[in-house]
C-alpha atoms as a PDB file:
ATOM      1  CA  MET A   1       5.712  29.521  40.529  1.00  0.00           C
ATOM      2  CA  GLN A   2       3.055  27.948  42.745  1.00  0.00           C
ATOM      3  CA  ARG A   3       2.680  25.162  40.169  1.00  0.00           C
ATOM      4  CA  ARG A   4       6.403  24.419  40.512  1.00  0.00           C
ATOM      5  CA  VAL A   5       6.251  24.326  44.309  1.00  0.00           C
ATOM      6  CA  PHE A   6       3.214  22.028  44.290  1.00  0.00           C
ATOM      7  CA  LEU A   7       4.675  19.665  41.692  1.00  0.00           C
ATOM      8  CA  GLY A   8       8.020  19.702  43.465  1.00  0.00           C
ATOM      9  CA  GLY A   9       6.289  18.628  46.667  1.00  0.00           C
ATOM     10  CA  LEU A  10       4.569  15.761  44.894  1.00  0.00           C
ATOM     11  CA  ALA A  11       7.855  14.770  43.320  1.00  0.00           C
ATOM     12  CA  GLY A  12       9.483  14.669  46.729  1.00  0.00           C
ATOM     13  CA  LEU A  13       6.912  12.204  47.997  1.00  0.00           C
ATOM     14  CA  ALA A  14       7.446   9.813  45.111  1.00  0.00           C
ATOM     15  CA  ALA A  15      11.016  10.506  44.011  1.00  0.00           C
ATOM     16  CA  ALA A  16      12.513   7.138  44.847  1.00  0.00           C
ATOM     17  CA  GLY A  17       9.848   5.117  43.108  1.00  0.00           C
ATOM     18  CA  LEU A  18       9.473   7.337  40.042  1.00  0.00           C
ATOM     19  CA  ALA A  19      13.115   7.902  39.238  1.00  0.00           C
ATOM     20  CA  ALA A  20      14.410   4.340  39.495  1.00  0.00           C
ATOM     21  CA  PRO A  21      14.261   2.188  36.384  1.00  0.00           C
ATOM     22  CA  PRO A  22      13.518  -1.484  37.000  1.00  0.00           C
ATOM     23  CA  ALA A  23      16.424  -3.463  38.439  1.00  0.00           C
ATOM     24  CA  LEU A  24      17.591  -6.562  36.643  1.00  0.00           C
ATOM     25  CA  ALA A  25      20.303  -8.618  38.345  1.00  0.00           C
ATOM     26  CA  LEU A  26      22.087  -5.859  40.217  1.00  0.00           C
ATOM     27  CA  THR A  27      23.876  -7.019  43.347  1.00  0.00           C
ATOM     28  CA  ALA A  28      25.041  -5.026  46.347  1.00  0.00           C
ATOM     29  CA  GLY A  29      28.619  -5.687  45.222  1.00  0.00           C
ATOM     30  CA  ASP A  30      27.906  -4.286  41.746  1.00  0.00           C
ATOM     31  CA  ALA A  31      26.447  -1.123  43.266  1.00  0.00           C
ATOM     32  CA  ALA A  32      29.372  -0.645  45.660  1.00  0.00           C
ATOM     33  CA  SER A  33      31.898  -1.251  42.857  1.00  0.00           C
ATOM     34  CA  LEU A  34      30.249   1.379  40.678  1.00  0.00           C
ATOM     35  CA  VAL A  35      30.407   3.995  43.430  1.00  0.00           C
ATOM     36  CA  THR A  36      34.034   3.149  44.217  1.00  0.00           C
ATOM     37  CA  ARG A  37      34.959   3.591  40.521  1.00  0.00           C
ATOM     38  CA  VAL A  38      33.056   6.866  40.218  1.00  0.00           C
ATOM     39  CA  LEU A  39      34.677   8.375  43.305  1.00  0.00           C
ATOM     40  CA  ALA A  40      38.176   7.230  42.280  1.00  0.00           C
ATOM     41  CA  GLU A  41      37.799   8.708  38.793  1.00  0.00           C
ATOM     42  CA  ILE A  42      36.428  12.008  40.083  1.00  0.00           C
ATOM     43  CA  GLU A  43      39.233  12.323  42.610  1.00  0.00           C
ATOM     44  CA  GLY A  44      41.797  11.462  39.918  1.00  0.00           C
ATOM     45  CA  VAL A  45      40.532  14.234  37.653  1.00  0.00           C
ATOM     46  CA  ALA A  46      40.350  16.723  40.524  1.00  0.00           C
ATOM     47  CA  ALA A  47      43.949  15.971  41.514  1.00  0.00           C
ATOM     48  CA  SER A  48      45.265  16.152  37.927  1.00  0.00           C
ATOM     49  CA  GLY A  49      45.967  19.889  37.962  1.00  0.00           C
ATOM     50  CA  ARG A  50      44.681  20.270  34.401  1.00  0.00           C
ATOM     51  CA  ALA A  51      42.822  23.342  33.185  1.00  0.00           C
ATOM     52  CA  GLN A  52      39.236  23.580  34.444  1.00  0.00           C
ATOM     53  CA  SER A  53      37.797  23.243  30.927  1.00  0.00           C
ATOM     54  CA  ALA A  54      39.693  19.972  30.409  1.00  0.00           C
ATOM     55  CA  MET A  55      38.526  18.671  33.780  1.00  0.00           C
ATOM     56  CA  ASP A  56      34.926  19.667  32.970  1.00  0.00           C
ATOM     57  CA  ALA A  57      35.114  17.533  29.814  1.00  0.00           C
ATOM     58  CA  GLU A  58      36.400  14.585  31.852  1.00  0.00           C
ATOM     59  CA  TYR A  59      33.686  15.017  34.479  1.00  0.00           C
ATOM     60  CA  ALA A  60      31.091  15.019  31.685  1.00  0.00           C
ATOM     61  CA  GLY A  61      32.564  11.722  30.465  1.00  0.00           C
ATOM     62  CA  ILE A  62      32.355  10.220  33.958  1.00  0.00           C
ATOM     63  CA  PHE A  63      28.741  11.362  34.268  1.00  0.00           C
ATOM     64  CA  ALA A  64      27.894   9.888  30.846  1.00  0.00           C
ATOM     65  CA  ARG A  65      29.561   6.547  31.697  1.00  0.00           C
ATOM     66  CA  TYR A  66      28.272   5.959  35.212  1.00  0.00           C
ATOM     67  CA  ALA A  67      24.990   7.880  35.532  1.00  0.00           C
ATOM     68  CA  ASP A  68      21.633   6.983  34.037  1.00  0.00           C
ATOM     69  CA  VAL A  69      21.609  10.277  32.157  1.00  0.00           C
ATOM     70  CA  PRO A  70      18.373   9.650  30.182  1.00  0.00           C
ATOM     71  CA  ALA A  71      16.429   8.889  33.393  1.00  0.00           C
ATOM     72  CA  ILE A  72      17.968  11.823  35.261  1.00  0.00           C
ATOM     73  CA  ALA A  73      17.355  14.269  32.407  1.00  0.00           C
ATOM     74  CA  SER A  74      13.767  13.099  31.998  1.00  0.00           C
ATOM     75  CA  TYR A  75      13.087  13.475  35.720  1.00  0.00           C
ATOM     76  CA  VAL A  76      14.661  16.897  36.162  1.00  0.00           C
ATOM     77  CA  MET A  77      12.859  18.255  33.091  1.00  0.00           C
ATOM     78  CA  GLY A  78       9.642  17.400  34.910  1.00  0.00           C
ATOM     79  CA  VAL A  79       6.208  18.047  33.453  1.00  0.00           C
ATOM     80  CA  ASP A  80       7.719  20.268  30.767  1.00  0.00           C
ATOM     81  CA  GLY A  81       9.277  17.155  29.258  1.00  0.00           C
ATOM     82  CA  ARG A  82       5.807  16.023  28.175  1.00  0.00           C
ATOM     83  CA  ARG A  83       5.524  18.843  25.678  1.00  0.00           C
ATOM     84  CA  ALA A  84       9.175  18.732  24.551  1.00  0.00           C
ATOM     85  CA  SER A  85       9.959  17.290  21.120  1.00  0.00           C
ATOM     86  CA  SER A  86      12.381  14.390  20.719  1.00  0.00           C
ATOM     87  CA  ALA A  87      14.995  16.843  19.432  1.00  0.00           C
ATOM     88  CA  GLN A  88      14.496  19.103  22.461  1.00  0.00           C
ATOM     89  CA  LYS A  89      14.817  16.141  24.839  1.00  0.00           C
ATOM     90  CA  ALA A  90      18.069  15.075  23.166  1.00  0.00           C
ATOM     91  CA  ALA A  91      19.421  18.633  23.255  1.00  0.00           C
ATOM     92  CA  PHE A  92      18.412  18.984  26.900  1.00  0.00           C
ATOM     93  CA  GLN A  93      20.142  15.731  27.838  1.00  0.00           C
ATOM     94  CA  GLU A  94      23.368  16.874  26.163  1.00  0.00           C
ATOM     95  CA  ALA A  95      23.187  20.356  27.711  1.00  0.00           C
ATOM     96  CA  PHE A  96      22.345  18.950  31.139  1.00  0.00           C
ATOM     97  CA  THR A  97      25.385  16.620  31.021  1.00  0.00           C
ATOM     98  CA  GLY A  98      27.704  19.585  30.466  1.00  0.00           C
ATOM     99  CA  TYR A  99      25.903  21.673  33.070  1.00  0.00           C
ATOM    100  CA  ALA A 100      26.161  18.933  35.726  1.00  0.00           C
ATOM    101  CA  ALA A 101      29.852  18.392  34.934  1.00  0.00           C
ATOM    102  CA  ARG A 102      30.619  22.101  35.320  1.00  0.00           C
ATOM    103  CA  LYS A 103      28.471  22.645  38.397  1.00  0.00           C
ATOM    104  CA  TYR A 104      29.588  19.640  40.420  1.00  0.00           C
ATOM    105  CA  GLY A 105      33.049  19.365  38.891  1.00  0.00           C
ATOM    106  CA  ARG A 106      34.034  22.673  40.398  1.00  0.00           C
ATOM    107  CA  ARG A 107      33.296  21.199  43.833  1.00  0.00           C
ATOM    108  CA  ALA A 108      35.298  18.037  43.176  1.00  0.00           C
ATOM    109  CA  GLY A 109      38.534  19.663  44.333  1.00  0.00           C
ATOM    110  CA  ASP A 110      37.227  19.171  47.868  1.00  0.00           C
ATOM    111  CA  LEU A 111      37.668  15.432  47.343  1.00  0.00           C
ATOM    112  CA  VAL A 112      41.444  15.682  46.895  1.00  0.00           C
ATOM    113  CA  GLY A 113      42.945  14.242  50.053  1.00  0.00           C
ATOM    114  CA  ALA A 114      39.529  13.312  51.428  1.00  0.00           C
ATOM    115  CA  THR A 115      38.753   9.925  52.890  1.00  0.00           C
ATOM    116  CA  ILE A 116      35.627   8.464  51.336  1.00  0.00           C
ATOM    117  CA  LYS A 117      34.448   4.987  52.122  1.00  0.00           C
ATOM    118  CA  VAL A 118      31.504   2.781  51.363  1.00  0.00           C
ATOM    119  CA  ASN A 119      29.855   1.913  54.675  1.00  0.00           C
ATOM    120  CA  SER A 120      26.946  -0.235  53.565  1.00  0.00           C
ATOM    121  CA  VAL A 121      24.597  -1.088  50.719  1.00  0.00           C
ATOM    122  CA  ARG A 122      20.897  -1.647  51.165  1.00  0.00           C
ATOM    123  CA  LYS A 123      18.198  -2.738  48.753  1.00  0.00           C
ATOM    124  CA  VAL A 124      15.373  -0.211  48.411  1.00  0.00           C
ATOM    125  CA  LYS A 125      12.516  -1.210  46.123  1.00  0.00           C
ATOM    126  CA  SER A 126      14.065  -1.605  42.673  1.00  0.00           C
ATOM    127  CA  PHE A 127      17.485  -0.106  43.416  1.00  0.00           C
ATOM    128  CA  HIS A 128      20.418  -0.209  45.837  1.00  0.00           C
ATOM    129  CA  GLU A 129      21.408   2.673  48.078  1.00  0.00           C
ATOM    130  CA  VAL A 130      25.174   2.826  48.594  1.00  0.00           C
ATOM    131  CA  GLN A 131      25.794   4.638  51.865  1.00  0.00           C
ATOM    132  CA  CYS A 132      29.162   6.352  52.101  1.00  0.00           C
ATOM    133  CA  SER A 133      30.935   8.732  54.420  1.00  0.00           C
ATOM    134  CA  ALA A 134      33.273  11.477  53.279  1.00  0.00           C
ATOM    135  CA  GLN A 135      35.824  13.047  55.585  1.00  0.00           C
ATOM    136  CA  LEU A 136      36.975  16.238  53.900  1.00  0.00           C
ATOM    137  CA  ARG A 137      39.963  18.228  55.052  1.00  0.00           C
ATOM    138  CA  GLY A 138      39.035  20.556  57.900  1.00  0.00           C
ATOM    139  CA  ALA A 139      35.321  19.745  57.784  1.00  0.00           C
ATOM    140  CA  ALA A 140      32.808  17.563  59.557  1.00  0.00           C
ATOM    141  CA  PRO A 141      32.106  14.197  57.913  1.00  0.00           C
ATOM    142  CA  LEU A 142      29.406  14.108  55.251  1.00  0.00           C
ATOM    143  CA  ALA A 143      26.947  11.327  54.533  1.00  0.00           C
ATOM    144  CA  VAL A 144      26.953  10.692  50.773  1.00  0.00           C
ATOM    145  CA  ASN A 145      24.482   8.158  49.387  1.00  0.00           C
ATOM    146  CA  PHE A 146      24.262   6.967  45.794  1.00  0.00           C
ATOM    147  CA  MET A 147      21.111   5.390  44.383  1.00  0.00           C
ATOM    148  CA  VAL A 148      22.141   2.715  41.878  1.00  0.00           C
ATOM    149  CA  SER A 149      19.995   0.709  39.494  1.00  0.00           C
ATOM    150  CA  GLU A 150      20.620  -1.428  36.461  1.00  0.00           C
ATOM    151  CA  ARG A 151      19.845  -0.588  32.887  1.00  0.00           C
ATOM    152  CA  GLY A 152      22.089  -3.031  31.067  1.00  0.00           C
ATOM    153  CA  SER A 153      24.809  -2.150  33.604  1.00  0.00           C
ATOM    154  CA  ALA A 154      24.946  -0.563  37.039  1.00  0.00           C
ATOM    155  CA  LEU A 155      24.291   3.197  36.867  1.00  0.00           C
ATOM    156  CA  PHE A 156      23.558   5.784  39.535  1.00  0.00           C
ATOM    157  CA  PHE A 157      20.433   7.889  39.120  1.00  0.00           C
ATOM    158  CA  ASN A 158      20.467  10.023  42.264  1.00  0.00           C
ATOM    159  CA  LEU A 159      22.736  11.223  45.028  1.00  0.00           C
ATOM    160  CA  THR A 160      22.105  12.672  48.458  1.00  0.00           C
ATOM    161  CA  VAL A 161      24.697  14.665  50.374  1.00  0.00           C
ATOM    162  CA  SER A 162      23.929  15.049  54.080  1.00  0.00           C
ATOM    163  CA  GLY A 163      20.258  14.500  53.321  1.00  0.00           C
ATOM    164  CA  THR A 164      20.054  16.934  50.398  1.00  0.00           C
ATOM    165  CA  ASN A 165      18.521  15.210  47.380  1.00  0.00           C
ATOM    166  CA  LEU A 166      20.403  16.406  44.297  1.00  0.00           C
ATOM    167  CA  LEU A 167      17.844  15.006  41.834  1.00  0.00           C
ATOM    168  CA  LEU A 168      15.075  17.062  43.430  1.00  0.00           C
ATOM    169  CA  ASN A 169      17.328  20.127  43.643  1.00  0.00           C
ATOM    170  CA  GLU A 170      18.083  19.940  39.943  1.00  0.00           C
ATOM    171  CA  ARG A 171      14.408  19.481  39.092  1.00  0.00           C
ATOM    172  CA  THR A 172      13.699  22.724  40.965  1.00  0.00           C
ATOM    173  CA  GLU A 173      16.623  24.515  39.265  1.00  0.00           C
ATOM    174  CA  ILE A 174      15.547  23.454  35.778  1.00  0.00           C
ATOM    175  CA  GLY A 175      11.939  24.404  36.540  1.00  0.00           C
ATOM    176  CA  THR A 176      13.131  27.849  37.604  1.00  0.00           C
ATOM    177  CA  LEU A 177      15.095  28.245  34.351  1.00  0.00           C
ATOM    178  CA  ILE A 178      12.033  27.273  32.304  1.00  0.00           C
ATOM    179  CA  ASP A 179       9.819  29.652  34.287  1.00  0.00           C
ATOM    180  CA  ARG A 180      12.335  32.457  33.799  1.00  0.00           C
ATOM    181  CA  ARG A 181      11.991  31.876  30.035  1.00  0.00           C
ATOM    182  CA  GLN A 182       8.175  31.826  30.217  1.00  0.00           C
ATOM    183  CA  GLY A 183       8.103  28.130  29.309  1.00  0.00           C
ATOM    184  CA  ASP A 184      10.412  28.391  26.278  1.00  0.00           C
ATOM    185  CA  ILE A 185      12.283  25.072  26.332  1.00  0.00           C
ATOM    186  CA  ASP A 186      14.772  26.062  23.618  1.00  0.00           C
ATOM    187  CA  ALA A 187      15.730  29.229  25.504  1.00  0.00           C
ATOM    188  CA  MET A 188      16.156  27.225  28.724  1.00  0.00           C
ATOM    189  CA  ILE A 189      18.450  24.764  26.912  1.00  0.00           C
ATOM    190  CA  ALA A 190      20.517  27.650  25.552  1.00  0.00           C
ATOM    191  CA  ASP A 191      20.829  29.057  29.081  1.00  0.00           C
ATOM    192  CA  LEU A 192      21.801  25.650  30.433  1.00  0.00           C
ATOM    193  CA  ARG A 193      24.720  25.385  27.984  1.00  0.00           C
ATOM    194  CA  THR A 194      26.491  28.198  29.807  1.00  0.00           C
ATOM    195  CA  ALA A 195      25.168  27.614  33.336  1.00  0.00           C
ATOM    196  CA  GLY A 196      26.993  25.810  36.101  1.00  0.00           C
END
């Protein structure tokens, strides 16, 4: 457990630089457009009234389309990814997509009727940070920032909500799952398929 805490601390110091793939010709407008599309699609699914399992599948599709899933999965798997086989990495990426869709999709209902707007976009190293504000019903406004880079097209690779870094949170969660399974990657992947 101490190894996880130490590595997590190091990851926190370097998260922005390590997680972002190199930017190509991404503009501030591209980054803002991506975030606007993502938020509109998530809100549309949340407001659809469909069964939760159907919405989870749609959220997974949104995540696959607009997130840099390979970079995110590689980062959250952490040092354990170095010893994972190619098949395990592929299985983890697929399981993580479903897990993220279930976990965050169940919170998406809060976006129905919310006012979310893009306030600004700033260039940070090799990516753009799209700074948004979300006014949810009956709650204080939240600062929601997307980190967007380009890998053939604009994709987000991290998100902060009121200062909480979701990429780092997930890295800690996955590390805890692996530790719980005494380092067994296959068992962690099996757990992840039903988590969220």
